[in-house]
Amino acid sequence: MIDDKDAVGQSPVRDDWVPKAAYLDPAFAKLEADRMWAKVWQIACREEELPKVGSFVTVDVAEESFLIVRSDEGRLLAFHNVCQHRGRRLVDEVAGRALQFTCGFHAWQYNLDGTNRRVPDLEDWGGKLHLCDLGLKPLKLDTWGGFIFVNMDLDAAPLSEFLGKAGEMLGPFEFEHMRYRWYKSARMNVNWKVAIEAFDEGYHVQGTHPQALQIMDDPTLSVVHGPHAMFYQPAIPSRGVGQPSARTNLPPTDDVRPGLVRYVEEFEADLKGLFCDRHPAATKRLMTEVDPGVSYFEALGAMVGFWRDAALEAGAGWPANLTAEHVGAAGTDWHVFPNFVTLMTPDSAICYRVRPDGVNPESCFFDMWALQRYAPGGEPPLERQFFDYWRDHDDWGQVYCQDFGNMESVQKGMKSRGFEGSRTSPKQELPISNLHRAIYDYLQE
């Protein structure tokens, strides 16, 4: 196991090696809470969750709880979700709307801007207690792409500086114009890093999702950008999406159109996210409006053009400055440090946020959001689904069930005396080793 001296010493992480203590040791989880989660920018919620003055959302991370509220004049504010009297959690609800916040213990009250508005029997303190000193403790808050980020460190560098290349590459996708298609959360009996890493690389596809090899090639390359990272699939026309993987020993097809249709239809049916609900019908236009002899890249361009037509016809709009070249450069999957992963198309995205469950190294909350562009006001009502155990829900689809099952087996297997650490691929799994390297940087501060 690890102790403080080991944790804050030189990072033992290499591109091809991550020690297992980071996943199992309660002391390591405590260090993360104190030195990393307390100082890092992290996503709390999205702006559309706070549509009116008084709208609020709470979110738990490690041993902390945050309260995000739309205050007077539409200001977005964030506070530690704790009453200043005896330390009771101030707001128990996940979301709602309030004119003020009242503690359920002794009824101390707070305004939407966090100031204290009432202490029952204030005179008991003999003039030594002043409401102006009893406000909720603030968090630093900023927004990007429709996401609300918070930071417990009031002296933290600006969010734009923290996001860096990740913000630059993801910005043209206009996440701010997307809205929730669905929102699901589940408690997972795994370390939060085990959960997020399951979506950090494409190397697992051939082992975990063998059915997908019929409609996609799987080798990837990964790139690091500071604490953030991404992976992409090299552009190989003969083995692009919709084509069988070279691992199957099946030849590529001369007509690439049916494979693209099948690829979009099957992933949309299983994931009900990443692609938007307009994409399958739009992609089918390939079969009637595109010549069967076109090249892979011509078919891909036509497909995205049909997506654009469908989005505009639906009144959902389309990203103004997103070029084909940028889509290619942005890759397949981004890990925004520390706990957010997204895979995106020009008008939809699937997003994963993972939060440690207290400082228990073997429990976390896994949040999944399907986003897409809708006509203004045309998005479905937001329904947050929470499952205390992921197997309590029977509609995850095949891909996610495969991923979640792996996560549990990894957490169990890491405890073996026969396992010392992860042998991460220095080409395909850099986002994993980079995550751990960035965490160690925080632990050393």
Protein backbone atom coordinates (compact mmCIF):
# COMPACT_ATOMS: atom_id res chain seq x y z
CA MET A 1 0.00 0.00 0.00
CA ILE A 2 1.03 3.61 -0.37
CA ASP A 3 1.87 6.18 2.27
CA ASP A 4 2.05 9.97 2.09
CA LYS A 5 5.77 10.02 1.37
CA ASP A 6 5.37 7.61 -1.54
CA ALA A 7 2.36 9.48 -2.89
CA VAL A 8 4.02 12.87 -2.98
CA GLY A 9 7.36 11.66 -4.22
CA GLN A 10 8.42 11.24 -7.83
CA SER A 11 5.60 9.84 -9.92
CA PRO A 12 6.05 6.11 -10.55
CA VAL A 13 3.78 6.34 -13.61
CA ARG A 14 5.20 5.62 -17.06
CA ASP A 15 3.48 5.52 -20.42
CA ASP A 16 3.45 1.74 -20.04
CA TRP A 17 3.01 1.40 -16.28
CA VAL A 18 0.49 2.47 -13.61
CA PRO A 19 0.86 1.06 -10.06
CA LYS A 20 -2.24 -0.58 -8.63
CA ALA A 21 -2.22 1.25 -5.28
CA ALA A 22 -3.85 4.26 -6.94
CA TYR A 23 -7.00 2.18 -7.38
CA LEU A 24 -7.14 0.35 -4.05
CA ASP A 25 -5.55 2.30 -1.23
CA PRO A 26 -7.85 4.39 1.02
CA ALA A 27 -4.89 6.65 1.84
CA PHE A 28 -4.45 7.42 -1.83
CA ALA A 29 -8.17 8.22 -2.17
CA LYS A 30 -7.90 10.59 0.80
CA LEU A 31 -4.90 12.33 -0.76
CA GLU A 32 -6.84 12.75 -3.99
CA ALA A 33 -9.71 14.36 -2.07
CA ASP A 34 -7.44 16.73 -0.19
CA ARG A 35 -4.96 17.67 -2.89
CA MET A 36 -6.58 17.08 -6.26
CA TRP A 37 -10.38 17.31 -5.98
CA ALA A 38 -10.01 20.37 -3.74
CA LYS A 39 -8.06 22.25 -6.42
CA VAL A 40 -9.28 21.13 -9.83
CA TRP A 41 -11.91 22.47 -12.21
CA GLN A 42 -14.72 19.94 -12.58
CA ILE A 43 -18.15 19.82 -14.20
CA ALA A 44 -21.03 20.33 -11.77
CA CYS A 45 -24.00 20.43 -14.16
CA ARG A 46 -25.25 22.13 -17.33
CA GLU A 47 -26.71 25.60 -17.68
CA GLU A 48 -30.08 24.34 -18.93
CA GLU A 49 -30.57 22.63 -15.56
CA LEU A 50 -30.91 26.10 -14.03
CA PRO A 51 -33.51 27.80 -16.26
CA LYS A 52 -35.01 30.24 -13.74
CA VAL A 53 -34.06 32.35 -10.77
CA GLY A 54 -34.04 29.97 -7.79
CA SER A 55 -33.25 26.86 -9.84
CA PHE A 56 -30.59 24.80 -8.10
CA VAL A 57 -28.57 21.59 -8.51
CA THR A 58 -26.46 19.76 -5.95
CA VAL A 59 -23.61 17.40 -6.73
CA ASP A 60 -21.47 15.25 -4.44
CA VAL A 61 -17.76 14.69 -5.10
CA ALA A 62 -15.57 12.76 -2.67
CA GLU A 63 -16.45 14.16 0.78
CA GLU A 64 -17.84 17.44 -0.58
CA SER A 65 -21.24 18.57 -1.77
CA PHE A 66 -21.75 21.57 -4.02
CA LEU A 67 -24.82 23.78 -4.42
CA ILE A 68 -25.17 25.54 -7.78
CA VAL A 69 -27.95 28.11 -8.08
CA ARG A 70 -29.27 30.71 -10.48
CA SER A 71 -29.48 33.72 -8.24
CA ASP A 72 -31.03 37.14 -8.70
CA GLU A 73 -30.64 38.69 -12.15
CA GLY A 74 -29.76 35.29 -13.55
CA ARG A 75 -26.30 35.04 -11.98
CA LEU A 76 -24.85 31.55 -11.63
CA LEU A 77 -23.31 30.97 -8.22
CA ALA A 78 -21.84 27.95 -6.45
CA PHE A 79 -21.36 27.22 -2.76
CA HIS A 80 -20.31 24.46 -0.42
CA ASN A 81 -23.60 22.75 0.40
CA VAL A 82 -23.32 22.97 4.19
CA CYS A 83 -25.08 25.03 6.85
CA GLN A 84 -22.74 27.29 8.81
CA HIS A 85 -24.41 26.42 12.15
CA ARG A 86 -23.75 22.76 12.93
CA GLY A 87 -22.53 21.47 9.59
CA ARG A 88 -25.71 19.80 8.36
CA ARG A 89 -25.97 19.24 4.62
CA LEU A 90 -28.05 22.30 3.69
CA VAL A 91 -29.91 21.01 0.62
CA ASP A 92 -30.73 17.32 0.34
CA GLU A 93 -32.49 17.39 -3.04
CA VAL A 94 -30.57 16.75 -6.26
CA ALA A 95 -32.35 19.61 -8.04
CA GLY A 96 -35.28 21.93 -7.65
CA ARG A 97 -36.28 25.55 -7.23
CA ALA A 98 -36.36 27.67 -4.07
CA LEU A 99 -36.80 31.27 -2.93
CA GLN A 100 -34.29 30.65 -0.14
CA PHE A 101 -32.55 27.70 1.47
CA THR A 102 -33.56 26.57 4.95
CA CYS A 103 -31.53 24.12 7.01
CA GLY A 104 -33.58 21.14 8.12
CA PHE A 105 -31.91 21.05 11.55
CA HIS A 106 -32.44 24.47 13.20
CA ALA A 107 -34.01 26.41 10.30
CA TRP A 108 -31.14 28.78 9.61
CA GLN A 109 -31.96 30.43 6.27
CA TYR A 110 -29.85 31.60 3.35
CA ASN A 111 -30.61 33.83 0.37
CA LEU A 112 -29.98 32.69 -3.19
CA ASP A 113 -26.74 34.68 -3.19
CA GLY A 114 -25.50 32.67 -0.20
CA THR A 115 -25.90 35.39 2.41
CA ASN A 116 -27.48 34.42 5.71
CA ARG A 117 -30.98 35.87 6.06
CA ARG A 118 -32.17 34.42 9.39
CA VAL A 119 -30.84 32.80 12.54
CA PRO A 120 -33.64 31.85 14.95
CA ASP A 121 -33.04 33.29 18.45
CA LEU A 122 -30.05 35.29 17.24
CA GLU A 123 -30.10 37.22 20.50
CA ASP A 124 -28.88 34.09 22.34
CA TRP A 125 -25.37 34.89 21.12
CA GLY A 126 -25.41 38.23 22.91
CA GLY A 127 -24.42 40.25 19.87
CA LYS A 128 -21.37 38.12 19.12
CA LEU A 129 -22.93 36.49 16.04
CA HIS A 130 -23.48 38.57 12.90
CA LEU A 131 -25.43 37.48 9.84
CA CYS A 132 -22.89 39.13 7.53
CA ASP A 133 -20.27 36.61 8.74
CA LEU A 134 -22.46 33.54 8.28
CA GLY A 135 -22.88 33.24 4.53
CA LEU A 136 -22.33 30.04 2.57
CA LYS A 137 -18.74 29.45 1.50
CA PRO A 138 -18.37 30.16 -2.23
CA LEU A 139 -16.78 28.14 -5.01
CA LYS A 140 -15.15 29.51 -8.12
CA LEU A 141 -17.51 29.08 -11.10
CA ASP A 142 -17.19 29.42 -14.85
CA THR A 143 -18.94 28.04 -17.91
CA TRP A 144 -17.84 26.44 -21.15
CA GLY A 145 -19.90 24.71 -23.81
CA GLY A 146 -23.06 24.90 -21.70
CA PHE A 147 -21.31 23.08 -18.84
CA ILE A 148 -20.96 24.71 -15.42
CA PHE A 149 -17.52 24.11 -13.94
CA VAL A 150 -16.65 24.72 -10.30
CA ASN A 151 -13.41 24.82 -8.36
CA MET A 152 -12.98 24.81 -4.59
CA ASP A 153 -9.70 26.70 -4.99
CA LEU A 154 -10.68 30.37 -5.22
CA ASP A 155 -7.17 31.18 -6.49
CA ALA A 156 -7.28 28.63 -9.31
CA ALA A 157 -6.16 29.62 -12.80
CA PRO A 158 -9.00 30.56 -15.20
CA LEU A 159 -11.06 27.74 -16.69
CA SER A 160 -10.01 28.67 -20.22
CA GLU A 161 -6.38 28.24 -19.25
CA PHE A 162 -7.12 24.90 -17.57
CA LEU A 163 -9.00 23.54 -20.60
CA GLY A 164 -6.29 24.59 -23.04
CA LYS A 165 -6.17 22.41 -26.15
CA ALA A 166 -9.25 20.45 -25.07
CA GLY A 167 -11.36 23.61 -25.11
CA GLU A 168 -9.86 24.66 -28.44
CA MET A 169 -10.61 21.36 -30.17
CA LEU A 170 -14.04 20.72 -28.65
CA GLY A 171 -15.30 24.30 -28.85
CA PRO A 172 -16.43 24.26 -32.51
CA PHE A 173 -18.81 21.37 -31.76
CA GLU A 174 -20.95 23.90 -29.90
CA PHE A 175 -21.90 21.81 -26.89
CA GLU A 176 -23.70 24.91 -25.61
CA HIS A 177 -26.39 24.35 -28.25
CA MET A 178 -26.95 20.72 -27.27
CA ARG A 179 -29.50 19.62 -24.69
CA TYR A 180 -30.07 16.48 -22.65
CA ARG A 181 -31.59 13.57 -24.52
CA TRP A 182 -31.29 11.44 -21.39
CA TYR A 183 -29.45 11.43 -18.06
CA LYS A 184 -28.55 8.25 -16.16
CA SER A 185 -26.44 7.70 -13.07
CA ALA A 186 -25.46 4.55 -11.23
CA ARG A 187 -23.32 3.65 -8.26
CA MET A 188 -20.46 1.42 -9.37
CA ASN A 189 -18.47 -0.82 -7.04
CA VAL A 190 -15.19 0.29 -8.55
CA ASN A 191 -12.60 3.02 -8.16
CA TRP A 192 -13.57 6.15 -10.08
CA LYS A 193 -10.48 5.81 -12.26
CA VAL A 194 -11.38 2.24 -13.25
CA ALA A 195 -14.74 3.59 -14.42
CA ILE A 196 -13.47 6.54 -16.45
CA GLU A 197 -10.61 4.54 -17.95
CA ALA A 198 -13.04 2.05 -19.46
CA PHE A 199 -13.92 4.83 -21.91
CA ASP A 200 -10.43 6.26 -22.36
CA GLU A 201 -9.18 3.96 -25.09
CA GLY A 202 -10.33 1.95 -28.09
CA TYR A 203 -7.89 -0.89 -27.49
CA HIS A 204 -10.56 -2.82 -25.55
CA VAL A 205 -13.02 -3.04 -28.46
CA GLN A 206 -11.59 -6.27 -29.88
CA GLY A 207 -11.72 -7.98 -26.49
CA THR A 208 -14.83 -6.46 -24.94
CA HIS A 209 -17.07 -5.70 -27.91
CA PRO A 210 -16.21 -8.35 -30.54
CA GLN A 211 -19.60 -7.83 -32.22
CA ALA A 212 -18.48 -4.31 -33.18
CA LEU A 213 -15.61 -5.68 -35.29
CA GLN A 214 -18.13 -6.50 -38.00
CA ILE A 215 -18.71 -2.78 -38.62
CA MET A 216 -15.54 -1.00 -37.54
CA ASP A 217 -11.80 -1.35 -37.42
CA ASP A 218 -10.50 -0.78 -33.90
CA PRO A 219 -6.78 0.14 -33.69
CA THR A 220 -6.34 3.68 -32.36
CA LEU A 221 -3.64 6.20 -31.55
CA SER A 222 -3.70 8.50 -28.53
CA VAL A 223 -2.35 11.98 -27.89
CA VAL A 224 -1.70 13.91 -24.67
CA HIS A 225 -2.45 17.60 -24.21
CA GLY A 226 -1.32 18.61 -20.73
CA PRO A 227 -3.59 16.86 -18.20
CA HIS A 228 -6.11 16.09 -20.95
CA ALA A 229 -5.86 13.45 -23.68
CA MET A 230 -7.65 12.03 -26.69
CA PHE A 231 -7.58 9.10 -29.05
CA TYR A 232 -8.45 8.76 -32.71
CA GLN A 233 -8.79 6.11 -35.36
CA PRO A 234 -6.30 6.51 -38.21
CA ALA A 235 -8.00 7.32 -41.51
CA ILE A 236 -7.70 4.08 -43.49
CA PRO A 237 -10.32 4.19 -46.27
CA SER A 238 -10.33 0.45 -46.81
CA ARG A 239 -11.08 -0.14 -43.13
CA GLY A 240 -13.12 2.89 -42.14
CA VAL A 241 -16.27 2.81 -40.03
CA GLY A 242 -18.84 0.50 -41.56
CA GLN A 243 -16.14 -1.89 -42.75
CA PRO A 244 -15.19 -5.15 -41.00
CA SER A 245 -12.07 -4.97 -38.88
CA ALA A 246 -8.90 -6.44 -40.31
CA ARG A 247 -8.94 -8.71 -37.23
CA THR A 248 -11.93 -10.57 -38.70
CA ASN A 249 -10.00 -11.54 -41.86
CA LEU A 250 -13.05 -10.40 -43.82
CA PRO A 251 -12.37 -8.34 -46.95
CA PRO A 252 -13.52 -4.73 -47.14
CA THR A 253 -16.60 -4.17 -49.28
CA ASP A 254 -16.54 -2.34 -52.59
CA ASP A 255 -19.78 -0.53 -51.79
CA VAL A 256 -19.19 1.35 -48.54
CA ARG A 257 -22.73 2.70 -48.20
CA PRO A 258 -24.48 -0.28 -46.54
CA GLY A 259 -21.77 -0.53 -43.91
CA LEU A 260 -22.12 3.12 -42.93
CA VAL A 261 -25.88 2.72 -42.63
CA ARG A 262 -25.47 -0.40 -40.52
CA TYR A 263 -22.81 1.26 -38.32
CA VAL A 264 -25.03 4.22 -37.46
CA GLU A 265 -28.20 2.14 -37.04
CA GLU A 266 -26.64 -0.48 -34.77
CA PHE A 267 -24.82 1.92 -32.48
CA GLU A 268 -27.82 4.23 -32.22
CA ALA A 269 -30.10 1.28 -31.40
CA ASP A 270 -27.72 -0.02 -28.73
CA LEU A 271 -26.33 3.15 -27.13
CA LYS A 272 -29.24 5.50 -27.77
CA GLY A 273 -26.63 8.19 -27.61
CA LEU A 274 -23.45 9.40 -29.40
CA PHE A 275 -25.48 9.55 -32.61
CA CYS A 276 -28.63 11.63 -32.43
CA ASP A 277 -32.06 10.24 -33.16
CA ARG A 278 -32.09 11.89 -36.61
CA HIS A 279 -28.94 10.16 -37.84
CA PRO A 280 -30.21 6.69 -38.83
CA ALA A 281 -32.90 7.99 -41.21
CA ALA A 282 -30.56 10.64 -42.59
CA THR A 283 -27.80 8.10 -43.19
CA LYS A 284 -30.18 5.87 -45.16
CA ARG A 285 -30.21 8.54 -47.87
CA LEU A 286 -26.83 7.14 -48.90
CA MET A 287 -28.59 4.17 -50.43
CA THR A 288 -30.81 6.19 -52.75
CA GLU A 289 -28.93 9.43 -53.35
CA VAL A 290 -25.28 8.40 -53.57
CA ASP A 291 -23.69 6.28 -56.27
CA PRO A 292 -22.52 2.84 -55.03
CA GLY A 293 -19.08 3.39 -56.50
CA VAL A 294 -18.13 6.46 -54.46
CA SER A 295 -15.04 6.43 -52.30
CA TYR A 296 -15.20 6.00 -48.54
CA PHE A 297 -14.43 9.66 -47.86
CA GLU A 298 -17.01 10.83 -50.40
CA ALA A 299 -19.64 8.65 -48.74
CA LEU A 300 -18.62 9.91 -45.30
CA GLY A 301 -18.92 13.51 -46.46
CA ALA A 302 -22.32 12.84 -47.99
CA MET A 303 -23.50 11.19 -44.78
CA VAL A 304 -22.55 14.19 -42.64
CA GLY A 305 -24.21 16.43 -45.21
CA PHE A 306 -27.43 14.45 -44.79
CA TRP A 307 -27.11 14.85 -41.01
CA ARG A 308 -26.80 18.59 -41.53
CA ASP A 309 -29.90 18.64 -43.74
CA ALA A 310 -31.89 16.77 -41.08
CA ALA A 311 -30.71 19.10 -38.31
CA LEU A 312 -31.60 22.23 -40.26
CA GLU A 313 -34.97 20.81 -41.31
CA ALA A 314 -35.71 20.07 -37.64
CA GLY A 315 -34.80 23.62 -36.67
CA ALA A 316 -31.90 22.38 -34.54
CA GLY A 317 -29.19 24.36 -36.30
CA TRP A 318 -25.66 23.26 -37.13
CA PRO A 319 -22.23 24.29 -35.81
CA ALA A 320 -21.23 27.47 -37.60
CA ASN A 321 -17.46 26.99 -37.67
CA LEU A 322 -17.04 23.22 -37.67
CA THR A 323 -15.15 22.08 -40.76
CA ALA A 324 -14.53 18.53 -41.97
CA GLU A 325 -10.84 19.08 -41.30
CA HIS A 326 -11.54 20.04 -37.70
CA VAL A 327 -13.81 17.04 -37.15
CA GLY A 328 -10.98 14.82 -38.33
CA ALA A 329 -8.39 16.55 -36.15
CA ALA A 330 -10.65 16.42 -33.07
CA GLY A 331 -10.56 12.63 -33.11
CA THR A 332 -12.92 10.14 -31.53
CA ASP A 333 -12.76 10.52 -27.76
CA TRP A 334 -11.57 13.23 -25.32
CA HIS A 335 -10.73 12.87 -21.66
CA VAL A 336 -10.99 16.26 -19.97
CA PHE A 337 -9.10 15.96 -16.69
CA PRO A 338 -9.96 14.71 -14.22
CA ASN A 339 -13.26 12.89 -14.65
CA PHE A 340 -15.04 13.78 -17.90
CA VAL A 341 -14.99 11.87 -21.21
CA THR A 342 -16.92 12.70 -24.35
CA LEU A 343 -17.36 11.21 -27.83
CA MET A 344 -19.00 13.66 -30.21
CA THR A 345 -20.54 14.20 -33.63
CA PRO A 346 -21.39 17.62 -35.11
CA ASP A 347 -24.84 17.64 -33.49
CA SER A 348 -24.70 15.09 -30.66
CA ALA A 349 -22.43 13.66 -28.00
CA ILE A 350 -22.25 11.01 -25.33
CA CYS A 351 -20.66 12.19 -22.09
CA TYR A 352 -19.37 10.36 -19.02
CA ARG A 353 -18.63 11.97 -15.66
CA VAL A 354 -17.34 9.89 -12.77
CA ARG A 355 -17.34 11.04 -9.13
CA PRO A 356 -15.67 9.32 -6.17
CA ASP A 357 -18.15 8.11 -3.55
CA GLY A 358 -16.65 9.67 -0.45
CA VAL A 359 -13.08 8.46 -0.01
CA ASN A 360 -14.01 4.84 -0.56
CA PRO A 361 -11.56 3.70 -3.25
CA GLU A 362 -13.98 1.00 -4.38
CA SER A 363 -17.14 2.99 -5.03
CA CYS A 364 -18.07 5.79 -7.41
CA PHE A 365 -20.99 7.47 -9.14
CA PHE A 366 -21.06 7.06 -12.90
CA ASP A 367 -23.06 9.76 -14.72
CA MET A 368 -23.98 9.30 -18.39
CA TRP A 369 -25.47 12.07 -20.52
CA ALA A 370 -26.69 11.82 -24.09
CA LEU A 371 -26.73 15.28 -25.65
CA GLN A 372 -27.98 16.46 -29.01
CA ARG A 373 -29.14 19.59 -30.79
CA TYR A 374 -32.88 20.26 -30.81
CA ALA A 375 -35.03 23.05 -32.13
CA PRO A 376 -35.33 25.66 -29.37
CA GLY A 377 -37.68 24.24 -26.75
CA GLY A 378 -37.94 20.91 -28.59
CA GLU A 379 -35.80 18.88 -26.20
CA PRO A 380 -37.48 16.26 -23.99
CA PRO A 381 -38.11 17.07 -20.31
CA LEU A 382 -35.05 16.33 -18.21
CA GLU A 383 -35.47 13.10 -16.23
CA ARG A 384 -32.56 12.13 -14.01
CA GLN A 385 -32.48 8.38 -13.54
CA PHE A 386 -30.41 7.02 -10.66
CA PHE A 387 -29.69 3.37 -9.96
CA ASP A 388 -28.08 2.37 -6.69
CA TYR A 389 -26.56 -0.56 -8.59
CA TRP A 390 -26.17 -0.59 -12.34
CA ARG A 391 -27.65 -4.08 -12.73
CA ASP A 392 -30.94 -2.71 -11.35
CA HIS A 393 -31.53 -1.18 -14.80
CA ASP A 394 -32.25 -3.51 -17.72
CA ASP A 395 -31.93 -1.10 -20.64
CA TRP A 396 -28.24 -0.21 -20.84
CA GLY A 397 -27.71 -2.03 -24.11
CA GLN A 398 -25.11 -4.63 -24.96
CA VAL A 399 -22.08 -2.35 -25.20
CA TYR A 400 -22.52 -0.73 -21.80
CA CYS A 401 -23.28 -4.05 -20.08
CA GLN A 402 -20.02 -5.38 -21.48
CA ASP A 403 -18.12 -2.31 -20.25
CA PHE A 404 -19.69 -2.29 -16.79
CA GLY A 405 -19.07 -5.99 -16.28
CA ASN A 406 -15.42 -5.49 -17.16
CA MET A 407 -15.11 -2.64 -14.67
CA GLU A 408 -16.25 -4.84 -11.80
CA SER A 409 -13.91 -7.65 -12.83
CA VAL A 410 -10.98 -5.24 -13.06
CA GLN A 411 -11.60 -3.90 -9.55
CA LYS A 412 -11.71 -7.45 -8.18
CA GLY A 413 -8.75 -8.66 -10.19
CA MET A 414 -6.45 -5.80 -9.19
CA LYS A 415 -6.50 -7.05 -5.60
CA SER A 416 -4.65 -10.20 -6.58
CA ARG A 417 -1.14 -10.66 -5.28
CA GLY A 418 -0.40 -11.73 -8.82
CA PHE A 419 -1.03 -8.23 -10.16
CA GLU A 420 1.32 -5.30 -9.54
CA GLY A 421 0.13 -2.63 -11.95
CA SER A 422 -1.36 -1.81 -15.34
CA ARG A 423 0.81 -2.37 -18.41
CA THR A 424 -0.75 0.44 -20.43
CA SER A 425 -0.16 0.60 -24.17
CA PRO A 426 2.10 3.58 -24.93
CA LYS A 427 0.28 4.06 -28.24
CA GLN A 428 -3.37 3.30 -27.54
CA GLU A 429 -3.72 3.90 -23.79
CA LEU A 430 -1.86 7.15 -23.15
CA PRO A 431 -5.00 8.82 -21.72
CA ILE A 432 -4.84 6.35 -18.81
CA SER A 433 -1.19 6.82 -17.88
CA ASN A 434 -1.54 10.56 -18.46
CA LEU A 435 -4.48 10.72 -16.04
CA HIS A 436 -2.37 9.15 -13.30
CA ARG A 437 0.61 11.34 -14.06
CA ALA A 438 -1.57 14.44 -13.77
CA ILE A 439 -3.05 13.20 -10.48
CA TYR A 440 0.45 12.71 -9.06
CA ASP A 441 1.26 16.28 -10.06
CA TYR A 442 -1.56 17.47 -7.81
CA LEU A 443 -0.54 15.16 -4.98
CA GLN A 444 2.94 16.65 -4.92
CA GLU A 445 1.69 20.21 -4.41
